[in-house]
Amino acid sequence: MKITNKWTGGLLVLLLALGTAHAEAASAEVSAENDALVGGNGGLHSLRGQTEIKDIFPGESWKKYPKDGKPIDSDYVYQPPLIPHTIRNYEVSLNANKCLSCHSWKYANEMGATKISVTHYRSPRQGQVLSDVSPSRYFCLQCHVPQADATPLVDNTFKRVDALEEK
């Protein structure tokens, strides 16, 4: 009985070693195949095409944004309003927020700009109305983005909400 247990233990160790070696070899083979598929990135297809990330890829020219435009209609309920003008060189940091120089309640009428929603003046936790923009709403570009007349990178089949369709 003791001999059988020794043989069984040795055989088990041998099988585990062979299985591990086989799995590592198969994994290396699959990895090599995937690297060969598309630019060494595991077979993923990228909008960059075959250009390696480490390679220099010339960026596109700056998009043309309207100088100042009328507000852009929403496509779904509670959509953050889109920015209908360029924001190039606008500072939005802890020290300054260029957006507020036109869109705050204090300056909006004078500047002919859309006023910030009253929801931006409420504290998120207590719901208290604040005298200035809530810190949680201070960084406008978290939600609001400029729109440019640019060619889409991928097909877009999005349809606006029926209730917002103009009739």
N, C-alpha and C. Protein backbone atom coordinates (compact mmCIF):
# COMPACT_ATOMS: atom_id res chain seq x y z
N MET A 1 0.82 -1.19 0.00
CA MET A 1 0.00 0.00 0.00
C MET A 1 0.87 1.25 0.00
N LYS A 2 1.96 1.20 0.75
CA LYS A 2 2.84 2.36 0.81
C LYS A 2 3.49 2.64 -0.54
N ILE A 3 3.86 1.62 -1.25
CA ILE A 3 4.48 1.80 -2.56
C ILE A 3 3.49 2.46 -3.51
N THR A 4 2.25 2.05 -3.49
CA THR A 4 1.22 2.62 -4.37
C THR A 4 1.04 4.11 -4.10
N ASN A 5 1.03 4.50 -2.83
CA ASN A 5 0.87 5.92 -2.49
C ASN A 5 2.06 6.74 -3.00
N LYS A 6 3.28 6.18 -2.90
CA LYS A 6 4.45 6.89 -3.41
C LYS A 6 4.36 7.04 -4.92
N TRP A 7 3.98 5.96 -5.58
CA TRP A 7 3.85 6.01 -7.04
C TRP A 7 2.74 6.98 -7.45
N THR A 8 1.65 6.94 -6.73
CA THR A 8 0.53 7.83 -7.05
C THR A 8 0.94 9.29 -6.86
N GLY A 9 1.63 9.59 -5.77
CA GLY A 9 2.08 10.96 -5.50
C GLY A 9 3.05 11.44 -6.56
N GLY A 10 4.00 10.59 -6.93
CA GLY A 10 4.98 10.95 -7.96
C GLY A 10 4.32 11.16 -9.31
N LEU A 11 3.39 10.27 -9.64
CA LEU A 11 2.67 10.39 -10.90
C LEU A 11 1.85 11.68 -10.95
N LEU A 12 1.23 12.02 -9.83
CA LEU A 12 0.44 13.25 -9.74
C LEU A 12 1.32 14.49 -9.95
N VAL A 13 2.49 14.52 -9.32
CA VAL A 13 3.42 15.64 -9.48
C VAL A 13 3.88 15.74 -10.93
N LEU A 14 4.17 14.60 -11.56
CA LEU A 14 4.61 14.58 -12.95
C LEU A 14 3.51 15.12 -13.88
N LEU A 15 2.27 14.68 -13.65
CA LEU A 15 1.15 15.14 -14.47
C LEU A 15 0.92 16.65 -14.32
N LEU A 16 1.02 17.14 -13.10
CA LEU A 16 0.86 18.58 -12.86
C LEU A 16 1.95 19.38 -13.58
N ALA A 17 3.18 18.89 -13.53
CA ALA A 17 4.28 19.59 -14.19
C ALA A 17 4.08 19.61 -15.70
N LEU A 18 3.67 18.47 -16.27
CA LEU A 18 3.43 18.41 -17.71
C LEU A 18 2.26 19.32 -18.12
N GLY A 19 1.21 19.32 -17.33
CA GLY A 19 0.04 20.16 -17.62
C GLY A 19 0.40 21.63 -17.59
N THR A 20 1.18 22.04 -16.60
CA THR A 20 1.59 23.44 -16.49
C THR A 20 2.46 23.84 -17.67
N ALA A 21 3.40 22.99 -18.05
CA ALA A 21 4.28 23.28 -19.19
C ALA A 21 3.47 23.40 -20.47
N HIS A 22 2.50 22.50 -20.64
CA HIS A 22 1.66 22.53 -21.85
C HIS A 22 0.82 23.81 -21.88
N ALA A 23 0.26 24.21 -20.75
CA ALA A 23 -0.57 25.42 -20.68
C ALA A 23 0.26 26.67 -20.99
N GLU A 24 1.48 26.73 -20.46
CA GLU A 24 2.35 27.87 -20.73
C GLU A 24 2.71 27.95 -22.21
N ALA A 25 2.98 26.81 -22.82
CA ALA A 25 3.33 26.78 -24.25
C ALA A 25 2.14 27.22 -25.10
N ALA A 26 0.95 26.74 -24.75
CA ALA A 26 -0.26 27.11 -25.49
C ALA A 26 -0.55 28.60 -25.33
N SER A 27 -0.35 29.12 -24.13
CA SER A 27 -0.59 30.54 -23.87
C SER A 27 0.37 31.40 -24.67
N ALA A 28 1.63 31.01 -24.73
CA ALA A 28 2.63 31.76 -25.49
C ALA A 28 2.30 31.74 -26.98
N GLU A 29 1.81 30.59 -27.46
CA GLU A 29 1.44 30.45 -28.87
C GLU A 29 0.26 31.36 -29.22
N VAL A 30 -0.77 31.39 -28.37
CA VAL A 30 -1.93 32.24 -28.59
C VAL A 30 -1.52 33.70 -28.53
N SER A 31 -0.66 34.05 -27.58
CA SER A 31 -0.20 35.43 -27.44
C SER A 31 0.55 35.87 -28.70
N ALA A 32 1.40 35.00 -29.23
CA ALA A 32 2.15 35.33 -30.45
C ALA A 32 1.20 35.50 -31.63
N GLU A 33 0.16 34.65 -31.72
CA GLU A 33 -0.82 34.77 -32.80
C GLU A 33 -1.57 36.10 -32.69
N ASN A 34 -1.99 36.46 -31.47
CA ASN A 34 -2.72 37.72 -31.27
C ASN A 34 -1.86 38.92 -31.59
N ASP A 35 -0.58 38.88 -31.21
CA ASP A 35 0.31 40.00 -31.50
C ASP A 35 0.48 40.17 -33.00
N ALA A 36 0.48 39.06 -33.72
CA ALA A 36 0.65 39.12 -35.17
C ALA A 36 -0.62 39.63 -35.86
N LEU A 37 -1.77 39.49 -35.23
CA LEU A 37 -3.04 39.89 -35.86
C LEU A 37 -3.07 41.36 -36.21
N VAL A 38 -2.99 42.22 -35.23
CA VAL A 38 -3.09 43.65 -35.46
C VAL A 38 -2.08 44.37 -34.60
N GLY A 39 -0.97 44.71 -35.17
CA GLY A 39 0.00 45.58 -34.53
C GLY A 39 0.43 45.24 -33.13
N GLY A 40 0.44 43.99 -32.74
CA GLY A 40 0.92 43.63 -31.41
C GLY A 40 0.04 44.10 -30.27
N ASN A 41 -1.24 44.31 -30.54
CA ASN A 41 -2.11 44.79 -29.47
C ASN A 41 -3.18 43.76 -29.10
N GLY A 42 -2.89 42.49 -29.34
CA GLY A 42 -3.82 41.45 -28.92
C GLY A 42 -5.00 41.26 -29.85
N GLY A 43 -4.92 41.75 -31.06
CA GLY A 43 -5.99 41.55 -32.02
C GLY A 43 -7.08 42.60 -31.98
N LEU A 44 -6.88 43.66 -31.21
CA LEU A 44 -7.89 44.72 -31.14
C LEU A 44 -7.79 45.61 -32.37
N HIS A 45 -8.94 46.03 -32.86
CA HIS A 45 -8.98 46.94 -33.99
C HIS A 45 -9.14 48.35 -33.45
N SER A 46 -8.35 49.25 -33.95
CA SER A 46 -8.31 50.61 -33.42
C SER A 46 -8.70 51.62 -34.50
N LEU A 47 -9.23 52.76 -34.05
CA LEU A 47 -9.50 53.85 -34.98
C LEU A 47 -8.20 54.43 -35.53
N ARG A 48 -7.08 54.11 -34.88
CA ARG A 48 -5.78 54.57 -35.35
C ARG A 48 -5.29 53.75 -36.54
N GLY A 49 -5.98 52.67 -36.87
CA GLY A 49 -5.53 51.79 -37.94
C GLY A 49 -4.39 50.93 -37.45
N GLN A 50 -3.40 50.71 -38.30
CA GLN A 50 -2.28 49.84 -37.95
C GLN A 50 -1.16 50.59 -37.23
N THR A 51 -1.34 51.86 -36.94
CA THR A 51 -0.30 52.66 -36.30
C THR A 51 -0.10 52.22 -34.86
N GLU A 52 1.11 51.89 -34.53
CA GLU A 52 1.42 51.51 -33.15
C GLU A 52 1.29 52.72 -32.24
N ILE A 53 0.91 52.49 -31.01
CA ILE A 53 0.78 53.59 -30.06
C ILE A 53 2.13 54.27 -29.84
N LYS A 54 3.19 53.48 -29.84
CA LYS A 54 4.52 54.06 -29.60
C LYS A 54 5.02 54.86 -30.81
N ASP A 55 4.43 54.62 -32.00
CA ASP A 55 4.83 55.35 -33.19
C ASP A 55 4.25 56.76 -33.16
N ILE A 56 4.89 57.65 -33.89
CA ILE A 56 4.39 59.02 -33.98
C ILE A 56 3.20 59.02 -34.94
N PHE A 57 2.10 59.55 -34.47
CA PHE A 57 0.88 59.61 -35.26
C PHE A 57 0.46 61.06 -35.35
N PRO A 58 0.57 61.66 -36.52
CA PRO A 58 0.23 63.09 -36.62
C PRO A 58 -1.25 63.31 -36.32
N GLY A 59 -1.51 64.25 -35.45
CA GLY A 59 -2.89 64.56 -35.10
C GLY A 59 -3.57 65.31 -36.22
N GLU A 60 -4.88 65.27 -36.18
CA GLU A 60 -5.64 66.01 -37.19
C GLU A 60 -5.54 67.50 -36.89
N SER A 61 -5.87 68.29 -37.88
CA SER A 61 -5.85 69.73 -37.67
C SER A 61 -6.97 70.10 -36.70
N TRP A 62 -6.87 71.29 -36.12
CA TRP A 62 -7.90 71.75 -35.19
C TRP A 62 -9.25 71.77 -35.88
N LYS A 63 -10.25 71.33 -35.16
CA LYS A 63 -11.62 71.36 -35.69
C LYS A 63 -12.11 72.80 -35.74
N LYS A 64 -12.97 73.06 -36.65
CA LYS A 64 -13.55 74.40 -36.77
C LYS A 64 -14.81 74.46 -35.91
N TYR A 65 -14.78 75.32 -34.92
CA TYR A 65 -15.93 75.54 -34.05
C TYR A 65 -16.57 76.87 -34.43
N PRO A 66 -17.87 76.97 -34.31
CA PRO A 66 -18.49 78.27 -34.58
C PRO A 66 -17.99 79.31 -33.59
N LYS A 67 -17.89 80.56 -34.04
CA LYS A 67 -17.42 81.63 -33.16
C LYS A 67 -18.38 81.81 -31.99
N ASP A 68 -19.60 82.12 -32.26
CA ASP A 68 -20.66 82.19 -31.26
C ASP A 68 -21.92 81.73 -31.95
N GLY A 69 -22.58 80.76 -31.37
CA GLY A 69 -23.77 80.23 -32.03
C GLY A 69 -24.98 80.26 -31.12
N LYS A 70 -26.11 79.95 -31.73
CA LYS A 70 -27.32 79.87 -30.93
C LYS A 70 -27.30 78.54 -30.18
N PRO A 71 -28.06 78.42 -29.10
CA PRO A 71 -28.08 77.16 -28.34
C PRO A 71 -28.46 75.96 -29.22
N ILE A 72 -27.85 74.83 -28.94
CA ILE A 72 -28.10 73.60 -29.70
C ILE A 72 -29.21 72.83 -29.00
N ASP A 73 -30.21 72.38 -29.77
CA ASP A 73 -31.33 71.63 -29.20
C ASP A 73 -30.86 70.35 -28.53
N SER A 74 -31.57 69.94 -27.48
CA SER A 74 -31.27 68.70 -26.77
C SER A 74 -31.81 67.51 -27.56
N ASP A 75 -31.15 66.36 -27.40
CA ASP A 75 -31.59 65.14 -28.06
C ASP A 75 -32.23 64.16 -27.09
N TYR A 76 -32.06 64.38 -25.79
CA TYR A 76 -32.71 63.53 -24.80
C TYR A 76 -32.95 64.34 -23.54
N VAL A 77 -33.87 63.86 -22.72
CA VAL A 77 -34.25 64.56 -21.50
C VAL A 77 -33.06 64.60 -20.54
N TYR A 78 -32.86 65.72 -19.89
CA TYR A 78 -31.76 65.96 -18.95
C TYR A 78 -30.38 65.96 -19.60
N GLN A 79 -30.33 66.13 -20.90
CA GLN A 79 -29.03 66.24 -21.58
C GLN A 79 -28.38 67.55 -21.17
N PRO A 80 -27.13 67.53 -20.73
CA PRO A 80 -26.45 68.80 -20.44
C PRO A 80 -26.36 69.60 -21.74
N PRO A 81 -26.66 70.89 -21.69
CA PRO A 81 -26.59 71.69 -22.92
C PRO A 81 -25.20 71.61 -23.56
N LEU A 82 -25.18 71.56 -24.88
CA LEU A 82 -23.94 71.54 -25.63
C LEU A 82 -23.43 72.96 -25.80
N ILE A 83 -22.13 73.11 -25.93
CA ILE A 83 -21.51 74.43 -26.05
C ILE A 83 -21.48 74.80 -27.53
N PRO A 84 -22.17 75.88 -27.94
CA PRO A 84 -22.24 76.23 -29.37
C PRO A 84 -21.13 77.19 -29.82
N HIS A 85 -19.98 77.16 -29.16
CA HIS A 85 -18.87 78.04 -29.54
C HIS A 85 -17.56 77.39 -29.13
N THR A 86 -16.47 77.94 -29.62
CA THR A 86 -15.16 77.40 -29.26
C THR A 86 -14.85 77.70 -27.79
N ILE A 87 -14.08 76.81 -27.19
CA ILE A 87 -13.62 77.06 -25.81
C ILE A 87 -12.09 76.98 -25.76
N ARG A 88 -11.47 77.05 -26.92
CA ARG A 88 -10.02 77.00 -26.97
C ARG A 88 -9.43 78.13 -26.13
N ASN A 89 -8.48 77.82 -25.30
CA ASN A 89 -7.80 78.76 -24.40
C ASN A 89 -8.67 79.25 -23.25
N TYR A 90 -9.80 78.61 -23.00
CA TYR A 90 -10.61 78.94 -21.82
C TYR A 90 -9.97 78.26 -20.62
N GLU A 91 -9.78 79.01 -19.57
CA GLU A 91 -9.25 78.39 -18.34
C GLU A 91 -10.42 77.98 -17.45
N VAL A 92 -10.43 76.71 -17.08
CA VAL A 92 -11.37 76.21 -16.08
C VAL A 92 -10.50 75.41 -15.11
N SER A 93 -10.16 76.07 -14.01
CA SER A 93 -9.26 75.47 -13.02
C SER A 93 -9.73 75.88 -11.63
N LEU A 94 -8.98 75.49 -10.62
CA LEU A 94 -9.31 75.91 -9.26
C LEU A 94 -9.24 77.42 -9.10
N ASN A 95 -8.42 78.07 -9.92
CA ASN A 95 -8.20 79.51 -9.80
C ASN A 95 -9.17 80.36 -10.62
N ALA A 96 -9.69 79.81 -11.70
CA ALA A 96 -10.54 80.61 -12.58
C ALA A 96 -11.48 79.71 -13.37
N ASN A 97 -12.60 80.29 -13.78
CA ASN A 97 -13.55 79.59 -14.64
C ASN A 97 -14.06 80.60 -15.67
N LYS A 98 -13.50 80.55 -16.85
CA LYS A 98 -13.84 81.49 -17.93
C LYS A 98 -15.32 81.42 -18.29
N CYS A 99 -15.93 80.27 -18.17
CA CYS A 99 -17.36 80.12 -18.52
C CYS A 99 -18.23 81.05 -17.69
N LEU A 100 -17.87 81.23 -16.42
CA LEU A 100 -18.68 82.04 -15.51
C LEU A 100 -18.64 83.52 -15.86
N SER A 101 -17.64 83.95 -16.62
CA SER A 101 -17.57 85.37 -16.97
C SER A 101 -18.68 85.76 -17.95
N CYS A 102 -19.34 84.80 -18.56
CA CYS A 102 -20.49 85.09 -19.44
C CYS A 102 -21.78 84.43 -18.94
N HIS A 103 -21.69 83.22 -18.42
CA HIS A 103 -22.88 82.42 -18.15
C HIS A 103 -23.40 82.49 -16.72
N SER A 104 -22.68 83.13 -15.81
CA SER A 104 -23.19 83.25 -14.44
C SER A 104 -24.41 84.16 -14.45
N TRP A 105 -25.25 84.05 -13.45
CA TRP A 105 -26.46 84.87 -13.38
C TRP A 105 -26.10 86.35 -13.35
N LYS A 106 -24.94 86.66 -12.81
CA LYS A 106 -24.52 88.05 -12.69
C LYS A 106 -24.26 88.69 -14.06
N TYR A 107 -23.69 87.92 -15.00
CA TYR A 107 -23.25 88.49 -16.28
C TYR A 107 -24.04 88.03 -17.50
N ALA A 108 -24.89 87.03 -17.38
CA ALA A 108 -25.54 86.42 -18.55
C ALA A 108 -26.34 87.42 -19.38
N ASN A 109 -27.16 88.24 -18.74
CA ASN A 109 -27.96 89.21 -19.50
C ASN A 109 -27.08 90.22 -20.23
N GLU A 110 -26.08 90.71 -19.53
CA GLU A 110 -25.17 91.70 -20.10
C GLU A 110 -24.41 91.13 -21.30
N MET A 111 -24.03 89.85 -21.20
CA MET A 111 -23.23 89.22 -22.25
C MET A 111 -24.09 88.57 -23.34
N GLY A 112 -25.39 88.49 -23.11
CA GLY A 112 -26.28 87.84 -24.08
C GLY A 112 -26.08 86.34 -24.13
N ALA A 113 -25.67 85.77 -23.00
CA ALA A 113 -25.40 84.33 -22.93
C ALA A 113 -26.51 83.61 -22.17
N THR A 114 -26.57 82.30 -22.34
CA THR A 114 -27.52 81.48 -21.61
C THR A 114 -27.11 81.42 -20.15
N LYS A 115 -28.07 81.61 -19.25
CA LYS A 115 -27.77 81.54 -17.81
C LYS A 115 -27.54 80.09 -17.39
N ILE A 116 -26.69 79.94 -16.40
CA ILE A 116 -26.48 78.63 -15.79
C ILE A 116 -27.78 78.23 -15.10
N SER A 117 -28.10 76.95 -15.16
CA SER A 117 -29.31 76.44 -14.51
C SER A 117 -29.25 76.68 -13.01
N VAL A 118 -30.40 76.94 -12.42
CA VAL A 118 -30.47 77.16 -10.97
C VAL A 118 -29.98 75.93 -10.20
N THR A 119 -30.03 74.76 -10.82
CA THR A 119 -29.55 73.54 -10.15
C THR A 119 -28.05 73.62 -9.86
N HIS A 120 -27.32 74.45 -10.59
CA HIS A 120 -25.88 74.59 -10.37
C HIS A 120 -25.57 75.41 -9.11
N TYR A 121 -26.58 76.01 -8.52
CA TYR A 121 -26.41 76.82 -7.31
C TYR A 121 -26.90 76.09 -6.07
N ARG A 122 -27.15 74.80 -6.16
CA ARG A 122 -27.60 74.02 -5.00
C ARG A 122 -26.47 73.10 -4.55
N SER A 123 -26.35 72.97 -3.22
CA SER A 123 -25.36 72.02 -2.71
C SER A 123 -25.90 70.62 -2.95
N PRO A 124 -25.06 69.69 -3.36
CA PRO A 124 -25.55 68.36 -3.73
C PRO A 124 -26.07 67.54 -2.55
N ARG A 125 -25.55 67.76 -1.37
CA ARG A 125 -25.96 66.94 -0.22
C ARG A 125 -27.17 67.49 0.49
N GLN A 126 -27.13 68.74 0.86
CA GLN A 126 -28.22 69.31 1.65
C GLN A 126 -29.29 69.95 0.77
N GLY A 127 -28.99 70.20 -0.49
CA GLY A 127 -29.95 70.84 -1.37
C GLY A 127 -30.13 72.32 -1.08
N GLN A 128 -29.23 72.90 -0.29
CA GLN A 128 -29.32 74.32 0.04
C GLN A 128 -28.98 75.16 -1.19
N VAL A 129 -29.66 76.30 -1.33
CA VAL A 129 -29.33 77.22 -2.41
C VAL A 129 -28.12 78.04 -1.97
N LEU A 130 -27.11 78.08 -2.83
CA LEU A 130 -25.86 78.78 -2.52
C LEU A 130 -25.82 80.12 -3.24
N SER A 131 -24.97 81.01 -2.78
CA SER A 131 -24.84 82.33 -3.41
C SER A 131 -23.94 82.28 -4.64
N ASP A 132 -23.19 81.21 -4.79
CA ASP A 132 -22.30 81.05 -5.94
C ASP A 132 -22.45 79.63 -6.47
N VAL A 133 -21.84 79.35 -7.60
CA VAL A 133 -21.94 78.03 -8.21
C VAL A 133 -21.40 76.98 -7.24
N SER A 134 -22.12 75.88 -7.12
CA SER A 134 -21.72 74.78 -6.24
C SER A 134 -20.37 74.22 -6.69
N PRO A 135 -19.48 73.90 -5.76
CA PRO A 135 -18.20 73.30 -6.15
C PRO A 135 -18.36 72.03 -6.98
N SER A 136 -19.45 71.30 -6.79
CA SER A 136 -19.66 70.08 -7.57
C SER A 136 -20.04 70.38 -9.02
N ARG A 137 -20.41 71.62 -9.32
CA ARG A 137 -20.81 72.01 -10.67
C ARG A 137 -19.83 73.00 -11.29
N TYR A 138 -18.72 73.26 -10.63
CA TYR A 138 -17.78 74.31 -11.04
C TYR A 138 -17.03 73.96 -12.33
N PHE A 139 -16.71 72.69 -12.52
CA PHE A 139 -15.92 72.28 -13.68
C PHE A 139 -16.86 71.90 -14.83
N CYS A 140 -17.24 72.89 -15.59
CA CYS A 140 -18.29 72.78 -16.62
C CYS A 140 -18.04 71.64 -17.61
N LEU A 141 -16.77 71.42 -17.96
CA LEU A 141 -16.45 70.48 -19.04
C LEU A 141 -16.58 69.02 -18.62
N GLN A 142 -16.98 68.77 -17.38
CA GLN A 142 -17.30 67.40 -16.99
C GLN A 142 -18.57 66.94 -17.70
N CYS A 143 -19.47 67.88 -17.97
CA CYS A 143 -20.77 67.54 -18.59
C CYS A 143 -21.00 68.24 -19.91
N HIS A 144 -20.54 69.46 -20.05
CA HIS A 144 -20.81 70.26 -21.24
C HIS A 144 -19.63 70.18 -22.19
N VAL A 145 -19.92 69.95 -23.47
CA VAL A 145 -18.86 69.80 -24.47
C VAL A 145 -19.16 70.65 -25.69
N PRO A 146 -18.12 71.18 -26.34
CA PRO A 146 -18.35 71.95 -27.56
C PRO A 146 -18.66 71.01 -28.73
N GLN A 147 -19.34 71.52 -29.72
CA GLN A 147 -19.67 70.74 -30.90
C GLN A 147 -19.01 71.35 -32.12
N ALA A 148 -18.42 70.52 -32.92
CA ALA A 148 -17.78 70.98 -34.16
C ALA A 148 -18.40 70.23 -35.33
N ASP A 149 -18.31 70.81 -36.50
CA ASP A 149 -18.77 70.14 -37.70
C ASP A 149 -17.64 69.22 -38.14
N ALA A 150 -17.66 68.00 -37.65
CA ALA A 150 -16.57 67.06 -37.92
C ALA A 150 -17.14 65.74 -38.44
N THR A 151 -16.34 65.03 -39.19
CA THR A 151 -16.74 63.72 -39.69
C THR A 151 -16.73 62.73 -38.53
N PRO A 152 -17.82 61.99 -38.32
CA PRO A 152 -17.85 61.01 -37.22
C PRO A 152 -16.79 59.92 -37.43
N LEU A 153 -16.19 59.47 -36.35
CA LEU A 153 -15.18 58.41 -36.43
C LEU A 153 -15.83 57.05 -36.65
N VAL A 154 -17.05 56.88 -36.14
CA VAL A 154 -17.79 55.62 -36.30
C VAL A 154 -19.22 55.96 -36.70
N ASP A 155 -19.93 54.98 -37.27
CA ASP A 155 -21.33 55.20 -37.64
C ASP A 155 -22.15 55.50 -36.40
N ASN A 156 -23.10 56.41 -36.53
CA ASN A 156 -23.94 56.79 -35.41
C ASN A 156 -25.39 56.58 -35.80
N THR A 157 -26.08 55.71 -35.06
CA THR A 157 -27.49 55.43 -35.34
C THR A 157 -28.39 56.01 -34.27
N PHE A 158 -27.85 56.92 -33.46
CA PHE A 158 -28.62 57.51 -32.37
C PHE A 158 -29.81 58.29 -32.92
N LYS A 159 -30.95 58.12 -32.28
CA LYS A 159 -32.16 58.86 -32.65
C LYS A 159 -32.61 59.67 -31.44
N ARG A 160 -32.96 60.93 -31.64
CA ARG A 160 -33.38 61.76 -30.53
C ARG A 160 -34.71 61.26 -29.97
N VAL A 161 -34.98 61.59 -28.73
CA VAL A 161 -36.20 61.19 -28.04
C VAL A 161 -37.40 61.79 -28.79
N ASP A 162 -38.43 60.95 -29.01
CA ASP A 162 -39.61 61.40 -29.77
C ASP A 162 -40.22 62.67 -29.20
N ALA A 163 -40.27 62.77 -27.88
CA ALA A 163 -40.91 63.93 -27.24
C ALA A 163 -40.19 65.23 -27.57
N LEU A 164 -38.92 65.16 -27.97
CA LEU A 164 -38.17 66.36 -28.29
C LEU A 164 -38.14 66.67 -29.78
N GLU A 165 -38.76 65.81 -30.59
CA GLU A 165 -38.81 66.04 -32.03
C GLU A 165 -39.62 67.30 -32.33
N GLU A 166 -39.13 68.08 -33.25
CA GLU A 166 -39.90 69.26 -33.68
C GLU A 166 -40.96 68.81 -34.66
N LYS A 167 -42.15 69.35 -34.50
CA LYS A 167 -43.24 68.94 -35.39
C LYS A 167 -43.71 70.09 -36.22
